[in-house]
Amino acid sequence: MNLSLFDQFASSTLLGMPLFAVALLFPALLLSPPTTRLVGNRLFSTQAWIFVKLANQFFSQIKYTAHKWAFLFTALIAYLLMINLLGLLPYTFTPTTQLSLNMSFAVPFWLMTVILGMRNQPTKSLAHLLPEGTPTLLIPALIIIETISLFIRPLALGVRLTANLTAGHLLIQLFALAAFALLSIMPLISTIVISVLFLLTVLEVAVAMIQAYVFVLLLTLYLQENT
């Protein structure tokens, strides 16, 4: 029973070939490709409007010199959002439930912000490791603590995204199994469980959207600190 609950987090195979790559590439096929026409179609116009709004939301408080990263961060949130939502469909696989994939997103983006800070303003970036006015006796301990907190940021990003999506998927499967098991024994209770399952699915859709937003928002905050 316990093993079957976690089977949904294993990549499916077709003819002995893992479908993990298909789950990663499929969201890109849903985007409307650019057009050479003066006015694009409705899908492309809507897509461009959403991307512009997201970029304005994330980079409104960031210096102009860092706005060149807006396209990369906007593409990341769109990609994470589509992966999270597509994973809620039946008979699908959610790649973002894998910590390895989330860390492959978190570490390079976090490292990029750190390198930018060390390159453009090394004094200010290093000053974050020691708050102003710290007593002399606490300086070594605070430097160690701040350094650990700096290097733990990508791990926190990856674990947060993985844990929230994994917990939501497990709850949905548990309620679905309970509703199916009670259907023939206690139909009324099964109907109540199905109602709760519907509400839980709506909540999981919101969680999938919020977690993609929070993931990129924290990265933009790290970028703001280092620009």
Protein backbone atom coordinates (compact mmCIF):
# COMPACT_ATOMS: atom_id res chain seq x y z
CA MET A 1 0.00 0.00 0.00
CA ASN A 2 2.74 2.44 0.96
CA LEU A 3 4.72 1.61 -2.14
CA SER A 4 1.74 2.16 -4.43
CA LEU A 5 1.24 5.68 -3.09
CA PHE A 6 4.68 6.70 -4.29
CA ASP A 7 4.49 4.95 -7.65
CA GLN A 8 3.04 8.16 -9.11
CA PHE A 9 6.39 9.89 -8.52
CA ALA A 10 8.30 7.35 -10.61
CA SER A 11 8.79 8.20 -14.27
CA SER A 12 6.62 6.07 -16.53
CA THR A 13 8.12 4.05 -19.33
CA LEU A 14 6.96 3.20 -22.84
CA LEU A 15 8.58 0.26 -24.60
CA GLY A 16 11.30 0.34 -21.97
CA MET A 17 12.06 4.04 -22.52
CA PRO A 18 11.46 6.59 -19.71
CA LEU A 19 8.95 9.32 -20.48
CA PHE A 20 10.65 11.85 -18.19
CA ALA A 21 12.04 13.73 -21.18
CA VAL A 22 8.61 13.85 -22.82
CA ALA A 23 7.13 15.40 -19.66
CA LEU A 24 9.86 18.06 -19.73
CA LEU A 25 9.52 18.92 -23.42
CA PHE A 26 5.74 18.80 -23.78
CA PRO A 27 5.01 22.17 -22.04
CA ALA A 28 7.12 23.97 -24.65
CA LEU A 29 4.81 22.64 -27.36
CA LEU A 30 1.85 24.42 -25.78
CA LEU A 31 3.36 27.88 -26.30
CA SER A 32 2.41 29.78 -29.41
CA PRO A 33 5.49 30.19 -31.65
CA PRO A 34 6.53 33.70 -32.74
CA THR A 35 5.11 34.98 -35.99
CA THR A 36 6.39 37.29 -38.71
CA ARG A 37 3.01 38.98 -39.02
CA LEU A 38 2.50 42.53 -37.82
CA VAL A 39 -0.29 41.37 -35.49
CA GLY A 40 -0.14 37.90 -33.96
CA ASN A 41 -3.05 35.60 -33.27
CA ARG A 42 -5.07 35.74 -30.07
CA LEU A 43 -3.09 32.99 -28.37
CA PHE A 44 0.23 34.68 -29.06
CA SER A 45 -1.12 38.09 -28.00
CA THR A 46 -2.49 36.67 -24.74
CA GLN A 47 0.74 34.83 -24.09
CA ALA A 48 2.82 37.97 -24.70
CA TRP A 49 0.53 40.06 -22.47
CA ILE A 50 0.90 37.57 -19.60
CA PHE A 51 4.68 37.47 -19.97
CA VAL A 52 4.92 41.27 -19.95
CA LYS A 53 2.77 41.48 -16.82
CA LEU A 54 4.90 38.87 -15.06
CA ALA A 55 8.12 40.63 -16.02
CA ASN A 56 6.77 43.96 -14.74
CA GLN A 57 5.67 42.31 -11.50
CA PHE A 58 9.05 40.72 -10.81
CA PHE A 59 11.38 43.48 -11.99
CA SER A 60 9.54 46.65 -10.97
CA GLN A 61 11.74 47.05 -7.87
CA ILE A 62 15.00 45.85 -9.45
CA LYS A 63 17.64 48.10 -10.98
CA TYR A 64 17.47 48.70 -14.71
CA THR A 65 20.82 46.97 -15.27
CA ALA A 66 19.28 43.65 -14.19
CA HIS A 67 16.27 43.89 -16.50
CA LYS A 68 18.15 41.90 -19.13
CA TRP A 69 17.39 38.80 -17.04
CA ALA A 70 13.62 39.39 -17.24
CA PHE A 71 13.09 37.07 -20.20
CA LEU A 72 14.94 34.20 -18.51
CA PHE A 73 13.00 34.50 -15.25
CA THR A 74 9.67 34.89 -17.07
CA ALA A 75 10.38 31.79 -19.15
CA LEU A 76 11.21 29.89 -15.95
CA ILE A 77 7.92 30.71 -14.21
CA ALA A 78 5.93 29.88 -17.36
CA TYR A 79 7.73 26.55 -17.66
CA LEU A 80 7.28 25.64 -13.99
CA LEU A 81 3.64 26.70 -14.08
CA MET A 82 2.82 24.51 -17.06
CA ILE A 83 4.70 21.51 -15.65
CA ASN A 84 2.92 21.80 -12.30
CA LEU A 85 -0.54 22.14 -13.86
CA LEU A 86 -0.07 19.41 -16.46
CA GLY A 87 1.01 17.06 -13.69
CA LEU A 88 -2.47 17.30 -12.15
CA LEU A 89 -4.08 15.66 -15.19
CA PRO A 90 -4.86 11.92 -14.95
CA TYR A 91 -2.20 9.49 -16.18
CA THR A 92 0.49 12.16 -16.24
CA PHE A 93 3.80 12.66 -14.47
CA THR A 94 4.94 15.78 -12.59
CA PRO A 95 8.70 16.29 -13.06
CA THR A 96 8.81 18.98 -10.35
CA THR A 97 8.07 16.33 -7.69
CA GLN A 98 11.69 15.23 -8.21
CA LEU A 99 14.18 17.06 -5.98
CA SER A 100 16.97 16.53 -8.51
CA LEU A 101 15.10 18.48 -11.19
CA ASN A 102 14.17 21.33 -8.84
CA MET A 103 17.76 21.59 -7.66
CA SER A 104 18.91 21.76 -11.28
CA PHE A 105 16.74 24.89 -11.59
CA ALA A 106 17.55 26.39 -8.19
CA VAL A 107 21.35 26.00 -8.06
CA PRO A 108 22.26 27.63 -11.42
CA PHE A 109 19.91 30.58 -10.94
CA TRP A 110 21.06 31.13 -7.35
CA LEU A 111 24.70 30.81 -8.38
CA MET A 112 24.12 33.33 -11.16
CA THR A 113 22.87 35.92 -8.65
CA VAL A 114 25.86 35.30 -6.36
CA ILE A 115 28.36 35.61 -9.22
CA LEU A 116 26.71 38.82 -10.41
CA GLY A 117 26.97 40.28 -6.92
CA MET A 118 30.61 39.30 -6.52
CA ARG A 119 31.42 40.72 -9.95
CA ASN A 120 29.50 44.00 -9.86
CA GLN A 121 29.58 44.94 -6.17
CA PRO A 122 31.84 42.60 -4.18
CA THR A 123 31.99 44.86 -1.11
CA LYS A 124 28.20 45.06 -0.76
CA SER A 125 27.77 41.34 -1.41
CA LEU A 126 30.30 40.40 1.25
CA ALA A 127 28.74 42.93 3.64
CA HIS A 128 25.60 40.75 3.75
CA LEU A 129 27.63 38.17 5.67
CA LEU A 130 28.17 40.57 8.58
CA PRO A 131 25.32 42.85 9.75
CA GLU A 132 26.34 46.37 10.70
CA GLY A 133 26.92 47.00 14.40
CA THR A 134 27.71 43.38 15.28
CA PRO A 135 29.70 42.98 18.54
CA THR A 136 33.28 41.88 17.99
CA LEU A 137 32.87 38.61 19.88
CA LEU A 138 29.95 37.56 17.66
CA ILE A 139 31.61 38.34 14.33
CA PRO A 140 33.06 34.84 13.64
CA ALA A 141 29.83 33.08 14.60
CA LEU A 142 27.65 35.42 12.54
CA ILE A 143 29.87 35.09 9.48
CA ILE A 144 29.57 31.29 9.68
CA ILE A 145 25.79 31.46 10.17
CA GLU A 146 25.26 33.90 7.30
CA THR A 147 27.51 31.85 5.02
CA ILE A 148 25.53 28.69 5.80
CA SER A 149 22.25 30.55 5.20
CA LEU A 150 23.60 31.78 1.85
CA PHE A 151 24.54 28.30 0.65
CA ILE A 152 21.31 26.75 1.94
CA ARG A 153 19.14 29.03 -0.22
CA PRO A 154 19.08 26.78 -3.33
CA LEU A 155 18.34 23.74 -1.17
CA ALA A 156 15.42 25.57 0.43
CA LEU A 157 14.10 26.54 -2.99
CA GLY A 158 14.22 22.99 -4.32
CA VAL A 159 12.87 21.33 -1.18
CA ARG A 160 9.99 23.82 -0.87
CA LEU A 161 8.79 23.16 -4.40
CA THR A 162 9.23 19.40 -4.11
CA ALA A 163 7.58 19.07 -0.70
CA ASN A 164 4.50 21.14 -1.53
CA LEU A 165 3.76 19.35 -4.80
CA THR A 166 4.51 15.91 -3.37
CA ALA A 167 2.25 16.46 -0.35
CA GLY A 168 -0.59 17.66 -2.54
CA HIS A 169 -0.36 14.70 -4.89
CA LEU A 170 -0.27 12.27 -1.97
CA LEU A 171 -3.37 13.83 -0.41
CA ILE A 172 -5.27 13.65 -3.68
CA GLN A 173 -4.39 9.98 -4.12
CA LEU A 174 -5.28 9.13 -0.51
CA PHE A 175 -8.70 10.77 -0.80
CA ALA A 176 -9.29 9.13 -4.19
CA LEU A 177 -8.46 5.67 -2.79
CA ALA A 178 -10.71 6.30 0.22
CA ALA A 179 -13.61 7.40 -1.99
CA PHE A 180 -13.22 4.35 -4.22
CA ALA A 181 -13.03 1.96 -1.25
CA LEU A 182 -16.11 3.45 0.47
CA LEU A 183 -18.23 3.68 -2.68
CA SER A 184 -19.81 0.22 -2.30
CA ILE A 185 -19.85 0.17 1.52
CA MET A 186 -20.93 3.69 2.51
CA PRO A 187 -22.08 5.67 -0.54
CA LEU A 188 -22.94 8.77 1.50
CA ILE A 189 -19.51 8.96 3.10
CA SER A 190 -17.95 8.30 -0.30
CA THR A 191 -19.88 11.24 -1.76
CA ILE A 192 -18.60 13.51 1.00
CA VAL A 193 -15.05 12.33 0.40
CA ILE A 194 -15.44 13.01 -3.33
CA SER A 195 -16.61 16.54 -2.53
CA VAL A 196 -13.56 17.07 -0.35
CA LEU A 197 -11.42 15.59 -3.12
CA PHE A 198 -12.81 18.16 -5.57
CA LEU A 199 -12.00 21.01 -3.20
CA LEU A 200 -8.55 19.54 -2.61
CA THR A 201 -7.93 19.42 -6.35
CA VAL A 202 -8.87 23.10 -6.67
CA LEU A 203 -6.48 23.85 -3.80
CA GLU A 204 -3.73 21.86 -5.49
CA VAL A 205 -4.19 23.89 -8.68
CA ALA A 206 -3.70 27.04 -6.60
CA VAL A 207 -0.65 25.51 -4.90
CA ALA A 208 0.87 24.60 -8.27
CA MET A 209 0.52 28.21 -9.42
CA ILE A 210 1.66 29.76 -6.14
CA GLN A 211 4.74 27.57 -5.81
CA ALA A 212 5.93 28.45 -9.31
CA TYR A 213 5.40 32.12 -8.47
CA VAL A 214 7.19 31.88 -5.11
CA PHE A 215 10.12 29.99 -6.65
CA VAL A 216 10.82 32.73 -9.19
CA LEU A 217 9.95 35.54 -6.75
CA LEU A 218 12.63 34.40 -4.31
CA LEU A 219 15.15 34.20 -7.14
CA THR A 220 14.33 37.78 -8.15
CA LEU A 221 14.81 38.86 -4.53
CA TYR A 222 18.26 37.25 -4.55
CA LEU A 223 18.97 39.06 -7.81
CA GLN A 224 17.84 42.34 -6.28
CA GLU A 225 20.28 41.90 -3.39
CA ASN A 226 23.20 41.47 -5.78
CA THR A 227 22.51 44.25 -8.31
